[in-house]
Amino acid sequence: MATPIAGALASSYLTARGIAPARDMSALRFHAHCWYRRVPGSPDDARDAWPALIAAVTDLNGTIMAVQRTWLDSSGHGKAPVATPRRAMGNVLGNAVRFGVVCDVMAVGEGIETMLSLRCALPVLPLAAALSATHLTAIHLPSSLRRLYVVRDNDPAGRYAVAALTERTHHAGIACLTLTPILGDFNDDLRQLGAYALAAAIRPQLAPEDVVRYWRPPKRDCGAS
């Protein structure tokens, strides 16, 4: 029942988060009236359906294993005013919301908005959002992978996820580098500091060959200035 996000409220939500429309966003769709199961204690006038951003959580073969729903307010400028505006259903562990086709290099992180914020500077780098720090530590990695960028959130859970993935990749013979935001996460950087500041902060954290291969300074500021 979900439809492409182009021109939909879900696209407005991403734009409000500083994220410009891009290719390879087929993992995201829009549902105009997605059922929301209220938690005990919700106000009597709480609605049972809200518009929602729907994300496909897939395995390494592209099979949908789960979906995440992000319920949105009617303006599209933020999340719905409900107790838990994000919920996943299905088998999330080891899987991810994926953008782009992985060859030998990719970046993984927690949130969808965090990962899509990197597109201002790294428009063709394959990305995967594991949806939480716990799931990030268990994400399945392609056998072709040679270098992994772990996109860290600046909190204890983010630091633990980096340490766990660094150990895993070391044993697998995969080079592991960390991308660290200036603020809480890269979407905070994009919205509060702007795309140019985000791109400038990312560049020295990349392997030199990946600067040439992936890094592109934004033509215009797609975030706040």
C-alpha atoms as a PDB file:
ATOM      1  CA  MET A   1       0.000   0.000   0.000  1.00  0.00           C
ATOM      2  CA  ALA A   2       2.994   2.328   0.330  1.00  0.00           C
ATOM      3  CA  THR A   3       3.938   4.534  -2.630  1.00  0.00           C
ATOM      4  CA  PRO A   4       7.176   6.252  -3.808  1.00  0.00           C
ATOM      5  CA  ILE A   5       8.158   9.234  -1.696  1.00  0.00           C
ATOM      6  CA  ALA A   6       8.627  11.681  -4.591  1.00  0.00           C
ATOM      7  CA  GLY A   7       6.187  14.547  -4.096  1.00  0.00           C
ATOM      8  CA  ALA A   8       4.769  12.942  -0.947  1.00  0.00           C
ATOM      9  CA  LEU A   9       4.727  14.082   2.663  1.00  0.00           C
ATOM     10  CA  ALA A  10       7.675  11.789   3.391  1.00  0.00           C
ATOM     11  CA  SER A  11       9.799  13.778   0.962  1.00  0.00           C
ATOM     12  CA  SER A  12       8.790  16.985   2.766  1.00  0.00           C
ATOM     13  CA  TYR A  13       9.877  15.400   6.048  1.00  0.00           C
ATOM     14  CA  LEU A  14      13.333  14.579   4.679  1.00  0.00           C
ATOM     15  CA  THR A  15      13.652  18.062   3.187  1.00  0.00           C
ATOM     16  CA  ALA A  16      12.818  19.544   6.589  1.00  0.00           C
ATOM     17  CA  ARG A  17      15.710  17.492   7.984  1.00  0.00           C
ATOM     18  CA  GLY A  18      18.042  19.058   5.404  1.00  0.00           C
ATOM     19  CA  ILE A  19      18.098  15.966   3.185  1.00  0.00           C
ATOM     20  CA  ALA A  20      17.694  16.678  -0.510  1.00  0.00           C
ATOM     21  CA  PRO A  21      16.016  14.140  -2.834  1.00  0.00           C
ATOM     22  CA  ALA A  22      18.553  11.721  -4.305  1.00  0.00           C
ATOM     23  CA  ARG A  23      18.773   8.599  -6.393  1.00  0.00           C
ATOM     24  CA  ASP A  24      18.861   5.124  -4.856  1.00  0.00           C
ATOM     25  CA  MET A  25      16.105   5.904  -2.356  1.00  0.00           C
ATOM     26  CA  SER A  26      13.855   3.032  -3.399  1.00  0.00           C
ATOM     27  CA  ALA A  27      14.217   1.602   0.125  1.00  0.00           C
ATOM     28  CA  LEU A  28      11.928   4.403   1.322  1.00  0.00           C
ATOM     29  CA  ARG A  29       8.209   4.686   0.622  1.00  0.00           C
ATOM     30  CA  PHE A  30       5.202   6.624   1.923  1.00  0.00           C
ATOM     31  CA  HIS A  31       1.963   5.458   3.511  1.00  0.00           C
ATOM     32  CA  ALA A  32      -0.720   8.127   3.839  1.00  0.00           C
ATOM     33  CA  HIS A  33      -2.701   6.366   6.608  1.00  0.00           C
ATOM     34  CA  CYS A  34      -0.460   3.939   8.466  1.00  0.00           C
ATOM     35  CA  TRP A  35      -2.010   2.224  11.477  1.00  0.00           C
ATOM     36  CA  TYR A  36      -0.569   3.274  14.837  1.00  0.00           C
ATOM     37  CA  ARG A  37      -1.291   1.105  17.868  1.00  0.00           C
ATOM     38  CA  ARG A  38      -1.647   3.399  20.830  1.00  0.00           C
ATOM     39  CA  VAL A  39       0.229   2.630  24.026  1.00  0.00           C
ATOM     40  CA  PRO A  40      -1.587   2.469  27.367  1.00  0.00           C
ATOM     41  CA  GLY A  41      -2.208   5.947  28.740  1.00  0.00           C
ATOM     42  CA  SER A  42      -2.486   7.661  25.347  1.00  0.00           C
ATOM     43  CA  PRO A  43      -4.953  10.560  25.214  1.00  0.00           C
ATOM     44  CA  ASP A  44      -8.488   9.562  24.234  1.00  0.00           C
ATOM     45  CA  ASP A  45      -8.314  11.805  21.166  1.00  0.00           C
ATOM     46  CA  ALA A  46      -5.071  10.263  19.873  1.00  0.00           C
ATOM     47  CA  ARG A  47      -5.427   9.174  16.256  1.00  0.00           C
ATOM     48  CA  ASP A  48      -5.086   5.564  15.174  1.00  0.00           C
ATOM     49  CA  ALA A  49      -3.521   6.341  11.764  1.00  0.00           C
ATOM     50  CA  TRP A  50      -0.888   8.821  10.657  1.00  0.00           C
ATOM     51  CA  PRO A  51       1.126   9.411   7.499  1.00  0.00           C
ATOM     52  CA  ALA A  52       4.366   7.475   7.699  1.00  0.00           C
ATOM     53  CA  LEU A  53       7.772   7.062   6.115  1.00  0.00           C
ATOM     54  CA  ILE A  54       8.174   3.349   5.443  1.00  0.00           C
ATOM     55  CA  ALA A  55      11.699   1.895   5.205  1.00  0.00           C
ATOM     56  CA  ALA A  56      12.508  -1.564   3.838  1.00  0.00           C
ATOM     57  CA  VAL A  57      15.011  -3.488   5.963  1.00  0.00           C
ATOM     58  CA  THR A  58      16.781  -5.986   3.709  1.00  0.00           C
ATOM     59  CA  ASP A  59      19.376  -8.725   3.913  1.00  0.00           C
ATOM     60  CA  LEU A  60      22.510  -8.888   1.767  1.00  0.00           C
ATOM     61  CA  ASN A  61      20.496 -10.395  -1.101  1.00  0.00           C
ATOM     62  CA  GLY A  62      17.967  -7.572  -1.109  1.00  0.00           C
ATOM     63  CA  THR A  63      15.157  -9.613   0.449  1.00  0.00           C
ATOM     64  CA  ILE A  64      12.886  -7.564   2.697  1.00  0.00           C
ATOM     65  CA  MET A  65      13.196  -8.909   6.231  1.00  0.00           C
ATOM     66  CA  ALA A  66      11.495  -6.099   8.175  1.00  0.00           C
ATOM     67  CA  VAL A  67      10.098  -2.603   7.845  1.00  0.00           C
ATOM     68  CA  GLN A  68      10.494   0.494   9.954  1.00  0.00           C
ATOM     69  CA  ARG A  69       7.688   2.995  10.228  1.00  0.00           C
ATOM     70  CA  THR A  70       8.287   6.641  11.118  1.00  0.00           C
ATOM     71  CA  TRP A  71       4.952   8.340  11.751  1.00  0.00           C
ATOM     72  CA  LEU A  72       4.797  11.960  10.601  1.00  0.00           C
ATOM     73  CA  ASP A  73       2.732  14.970  11.550  1.00  0.00           C
ATOM     74  CA  SER A  74       0.312  16.308   8.965  1.00  0.00           C
ATOM     75  CA  SER A  75       2.622  19.166   7.965  1.00  0.00           C
ATOM     76  CA  GLY A  76       5.476  16.838   7.054  1.00  0.00           C
ATOM     77  CA  HIS A  77       7.889  18.976   9.080  1.00  0.00           C
ATOM     78  CA  GLY A  78       8.376  16.539  11.933  1.00  0.00           C
ATOM     79  CA  LYS A  79       7.356  13.283  13.548  1.00  0.00           C
ATOM     80  CA  ALA A  80       3.801  12.618  14.695  1.00  0.00           C
ATOM     81  CA  PRO A  81       3.012  13.607  18.304  1.00  0.00           C
ATOM     82  CA  VAL A  82       2.776  10.029  19.527  1.00  0.00           C
ATOM     83  CA  ALA A  83       4.594   8.144  22.271  1.00  0.00           C
ATOM     84  CA  THR A  84       6.775   6.061  19.936  1.00  0.00           C
ATOM     85  CA  PRO A  85       6.957   7.660  16.463  1.00  0.00           C
ATOM     86  CA  ARG A  86       9.386   4.990  15.210  1.00  0.00           C
ATOM     87  CA  ARG A  87       8.666   1.273  15.293  1.00  0.00           C
ATOM     88  CA  ALA A  88      10.136  -1.675  13.419  1.00  0.00           C
ATOM     89  CA  MET A  89       8.411  -4.956  12.673  1.00  0.00           C
ATOM     90  CA  GLY A  90      10.086  -8.117  11.416  1.00  0.00           C
ATOM     91  CA  ASN A  91      13.649  -9.417  11.592  1.00  0.00           C
ATOM     92  CA  VAL A  92      15.893  -6.350  11.907  1.00  0.00           C
ATOM     93  CA  LEU A  93      18.935  -8.028  13.498  1.00  0.00           C
ATOM     94  CA  GLY A  94      21.802  -8.291  11.025  1.00  0.00           C
ATOM     95  CA  ASN A  95      19.870  -6.472   8.314  1.00  0.00           C
ATOM     96  CA  ALA A  96      19.664  -2.809   7.313  1.00  0.00           C
ATOM     97  CA  VAL A  97      18.009  -0.090   5.258  1.00  0.00           C
ATOM     98  CA  ARG A  98      20.353   0.071   2.251  1.00  0.00           C
ATOM     99  CA  PHE A  99      21.197   2.827  -0.219  1.00  0.00           C
ATOM    100  CA  GLY A 100      23.418   1.949  -3.181  1.00  0.00           C
ATOM    101  CA  VAL A 101      25.128  -1.255  -4.269  1.00  0.00           C
ATOM    102  CA  VAL A 102      28.206  -2.301  -2.296  1.00  0.00           C
ATOM    103  CA  CYS A 103      31.393  -3.365  -4.033  1.00  0.00           C
ATOM    104  CA  ASP A 104      34.400  -2.983  -1.727  1.00  0.00           C
ATOM    105  CA  VAL A 105      33.644   0.116   0.388  1.00  0.00           C
ATOM    106  CA  MET A 106      30.557   1.147   2.354  1.00  0.00           C
ATOM    107  CA  ALA A 107      29.425   3.162   5.367  1.00  0.00           C
ATOM    108  CA  VAL A 108      27.151   1.892   8.135  1.00  0.00           C
ATOM    109  CA  GLY A 109      25.424   3.745  10.939  1.00  0.00           C
ATOM    110  CA  GLU A 110      22.308   3.867  13.050  1.00  0.00           C
ATOM    111  CA  GLY A 111      19.589   6.174  11.736  1.00  0.00           C
ATOM    112  CA  ILE A 112      18.235   6.692   8.234  1.00  0.00           C
ATOM    113  CA  GLU A 113      18.447  10.481   8.482  1.00  0.00           C
ATOM    114  CA  THR A 114      21.991  10.274   9.830  1.00  0.00           C
ATOM    115  CA  MET A 115      23.135   8.144   6.916  1.00  0.00           C
ATOM    116  CA  LEU A 116      21.342  10.152   4.230  1.00  0.00           C
ATOM    117  CA  SER A 117      22.947  13.329   5.596  1.00  0.00           C
ATOM    118  CA  LEU A 118      26.299  12.005   4.356  1.00  0.00           C
ATOM    119  CA  ARG A 119      25.030  12.268   0.786  1.00  0.00           C
ATOM    120  CA  CYS A 120      25.787  15.991   0.797  1.00  0.00           C
ATOM    121  CA  ALA A 121      29.473  15.064   0.752  1.00  0.00           C
ATOM    122  CA  LEU A 122      29.518  11.409  -0.341  1.00  0.00           C
ATOM    123  CA  PRO A 123      26.740  11.122  -2.943  1.00  0.00           C
ATOM    124  CA  VAL A 124      27.731   7.740  -4.398  1.00  0.00           C
ATOM    125  CA  LEU A 125      29.145   5.931  -1.348  1.00  0.00           C
ATOM    126  CA  PRO A 126      26.925   2.896  -0.528  1.00  0.00           C
ATOM    127  CA  LEU A 127      25.202   3.354   2.838  1.00  0.00           C
ATOM    128  CA  ALA A 128      23.354   1.155   5.316  1.00  0.00           C
ATOM    129  CA  ALA A 129      21.284   2.177   8.339  1.00  0.00           C
ATOM    130  CA  ALA A 130      21.016  -0.528  11.015  1.00  0.00           C
ATOM    131  CA  LEU A 131      18.360   1.493  12.943  1.00  0.00           C
ATOM    132  CA  SER A 132      19.976   1.256  16.404  1.00  0.00           C
ATOM    133  CA  ALA A 133      23.383   0.953  18.022  1.00  0.00           C
ATOM    134  CA  THR A 134      22.634  -2.609  19.114  1.00  0.00           C
ATOM    135  CA  HIS A 135      21.648  -3.659  15.609  1.00  0.00           C
ATOM    136  CA  LEU A 136      24.681  -1.849  14.207  1.00  0.00           C
ATOM    137  CA  THR A 137      27.065  -4.127  16.090  1.00  0.00           C
ATOM    138  CA  ALA A 138      25.412  -7.192  14.503  1.00  0.00           C
ATOM    139  CA  ILE A 139      25.002  -5.951  10.914  1.00  0.00           C
ATOM    140  CA  HIS A 140      25.877  -8.513   8.235  1.00  0.00           C
ATOM    141  CA  LEU A 141      28.702  -7.348   5.962  1.00  0.00           C
ATOM    142  CA  PRO A 142      29.188  -8.285   2.288  1.00  0.00           C
ATOM    143  CA  SER A 143      31.950 -10.776   1.518  1.00  0.00           C
ATOM    144  CA  SER A 144      33.377  -8.336  -1.062  1.00  0.00           C
ATOM    145  CA  LEU A 145      33.904  -5.607   1.541  1.00  0.00           C
ATOM    146  CA  ARG A 146      37.459  -4.354   2.004  1.00  0.00           C
ATOM    147  CA  ARG A 147      36.929  -1.073   3.862  1.00  0.00           C
ATOM    148  CA  LEU A 148      34.127  -0.098   6.241  1.00  0.00           C
ATOM    149  CA  TYR A 149      33.257   3.363   7.533  1.00  0.00           C
ATOM    150  CA  VAL A 150      31.377   3.275  10.829  1.00  0.00           C
ATOM    151  CA  VAL A 151      29.282   6.411  11.228  1.00  0.00           C
ATOM    152  CA  ARG A 152      29.316   7.158  14.927  1.00  0.00           C
ATOM    153  CA  ASP A 153      26.701   8.918  17.006  1.00  0.00           C
ATOM    154  CA  ASN A 154      28.305  10.977  19.765  1.00  0.00           C
ATOM    155  CA  ASP A 155      26.953   9.020  22.719  1.00  0.00           C
ATOM    156  CA  PRO A 156      28.063   5.983  24.759  1.00  0.00           C
ATOM    157  CA  ALA A 157      26.025   3.563  22.638  1.00  0.00           C
ATOM    158  CA  GLY A 158      27.660   4.949  19.501  1.00  0.00           C
ATOM    159  CA  ARG A 159      31.136   4.527  20.949  1.00  0.00           C
ATOM    160  CA  TYR A 160      30.371   0.933  21.945  1.00  0.00           C
ATOM    161  CA  ALA A 161      29.094   0.138  18.434  1.00  0.00           C
ATOM    162  CA  VAL A 162      32.309   1.478  16.906  1.00  0.00           C
ATOM    163  CA  ALA A 163      34.442  -0.644  19.238  1.00  0.00           C
ATOM    164  CA  ALA A 164      32.444  -3.791  18.519  1.00  0.00           C
ATOM    165  CA  LEU A 165      32.537  -3.333  14.737  1.00  0.00           C
ATOM    166  CA  THR A 166      36.230  -2.473  14.789  1.00  0.00           C
ATOM    167  CA  GLU A 167      36.950  -5.788  16.504  1.00  0.00           C
ATOM    168  CA  ARG A 168      34.721  -7.716  14.084  1.00  0.00           C
ATOM    169  CA  THR A 169      36.270  -6.203  10.975  1.00  0.00           C
ATOM    170  CA  HIS A 170      39.801  -6.691  12.298  1.00  0.00           C
ATOM    171  CA  HIS A 171      39.226 -10.448  12.539  1.00  0.00           C
ATOM    172  CA  ALA A 172      37.650 -10.450   9.068  1.00  0.00           C
ATOM    173  CA  GLY A 173      40.550  -8.585   7.467  1.00  0.00           C
ATOM    174  CA  ILE A 174      38.451  -5.500   6.688  1.00  0.00           C
ATOM    175  CA  ALA A 175      39.887  -2.028   7.237  1.00  0.00           C
ATOM    176  CA  CYS A 176      37.616  -0.070   9.586  1.00  0.00           C
ATOM    177  CA  LEU A 177      37.529   3.724   9.869  1.00  0.00           C
ATOM    178  CA  THR A 178      35.244   5.918  11.950  1.00  0.00           C
ATOM    179  CA  LEU A 179      33.334   8.969  10.765  1.00  0.00           C
ATOM    180  CA  THR A 180      32.624  11.217  13.753  1.00  0.00           C
ATOM    181  CA  PRO A 181      30.209  14.169  13.684  1.00  0.00           C
ATOM    182  CA  ILE A 182      30.889  17.542  15.271  1.00  0.00           C
ATOM    183  CA  LEU A 183      27.552  17.553  17.116  1.00  0.00           C
ATOM    184  CA  GLY A 184      25.356  14.634  18.190  1.00  0.00           C
ATOM    185  CA  ASP A 185      25.069  13.019  14.755  1.00  0.00           C
ATOM    186  CA  PHE A 186      25.557  13.956  11.114  1.00  0.00           C
ATOM    187  CA  ASN A 187      21.967  15.116  10.686  1.00  0.00           C
ATOM    188  CA  ASP A 188      22.543  17.567  13.547  1.00  0.00           C
ATOM    189  CA  ASP A 189      25.668  18.751  11.703  1.00  0.00           C
ATOM    190  CA  LEU A 190      23.748  19.125   8.446  1.00  0.00           C
ATOM    191  CA  ARG A 191      20.824  21.056   9.933  1.00  0.00           C
ATOM    192  CA  GLN A 192      22.744  23.241  12.361  1.00  0.00           C
ATOM    193  CA  LEU A 193      26.109  23.759  10.651  1.00  0.00           C
ATOM    194  CA  GLY A 194      25.247  23.239   6.987  1.00  0.00           C
ATOM    195  CA  ALA A 195      26.354  20.974   4.183  1.00  0.00           C
ATOM    196  CA  TYR A 196      29.695  22.721   3.598  1.00  0.00           C
ATOM    197  CA  ALA A 197      30.759  22.333   7.231  1.00  0.00           C
ATOM    198  CA  LEU A 198      29.662  18.689   7.206  1.00  0.00           C
ATOM    199  CA  ALA A 199      31.636  17.974   4.019  1.00  0.00           C
ATOM    200  CA  ALA A 200      34.725  19.734   5.339  1.00  0.00           C
ATOM    201  CA  ALA A 201      34.606  17.722   8.571  1.00  0.00           C
ATOM    202  CA  ILE A 202      34.237  14.407   6.725  1.00  0.00           C
ATOM    203  CA  ARG A 203      37.070  14.894   4.224  1.00  0.00           C
ATOM    204  CA  PRO A 204      40.073  14.385   6.580  1.00  0.00           C
ATOM    205  CA  GLN A 205      38.410  11.294   8.078  1.00  0.00           C
ATOM    206  CA  LEU A 206      38.401   9.444   4.744  1.00  0.00           C
ATOM    207  CA  ALA A 207      41.146   7.245   3.320  1.00  0.00           C
ATOM    208  CA  PRO A 208      42.987   9.328   0.676  1.00  0.00           C
ATOM    209  CA  GLU A 209      41.814   7.102  -2.178  1.00  0.00           C
ATOM    210  CA  ASP A 210      38.197   7.495  -1.032  1.00  0.00           C
ATOM    211  CA  VAL A 211      38.479  11.286  -1.090  1.00  0.00           C
ATOM    212  CA  VAL A 212      39.144  11.000  -4.831  1.00  0.00           C
ATOM    213  CA  ARG A 213      36.576   8.273  -5.333  1.00  0.00           C
ATOM    214  CA  TYR A 214      33.640   9.476  -3.239  1.00  0.00           C
ATOM    215  CA  TRP A 215      34.028  12.948  -1.727  1.00  0.00           C
ATOM    216  CA  ARG A 216      32.215  15.744  -3.546  1.00  0.00           C
ATOM    217  CA  PRO A 217      31.890  19.221  -2.017  1.00  0.00           C
ATOM    218  CA  PRO A 218      28.248  20.320  -2.170  1.00  0.00           C
ATOM    219  CA  LYS A 219      27.346  22.730  -4.969  1.00  0.00           C
ATOM    220  CA  ARG A 220      24.928  24.491  -2.686  1.00  0.00           C
ATOM    221  CA  ASP A 221      24.164  24.270   0.991  1.00  0.00           C
ATOM    222  CA  CYS A 222      21.421  21.654   1.381  1.00  0.00           C
ATOM    223  CA  GLY A 223      21.346  22.136   5.147  1.00  0.00           C
ATOM    224  CA  ALA A 224      21.176  25.071   7.523  1.00  0.00           C
ATOM    225  CA  SER A 225      23.916  27.670   7.407  1.00  0.00           C
END
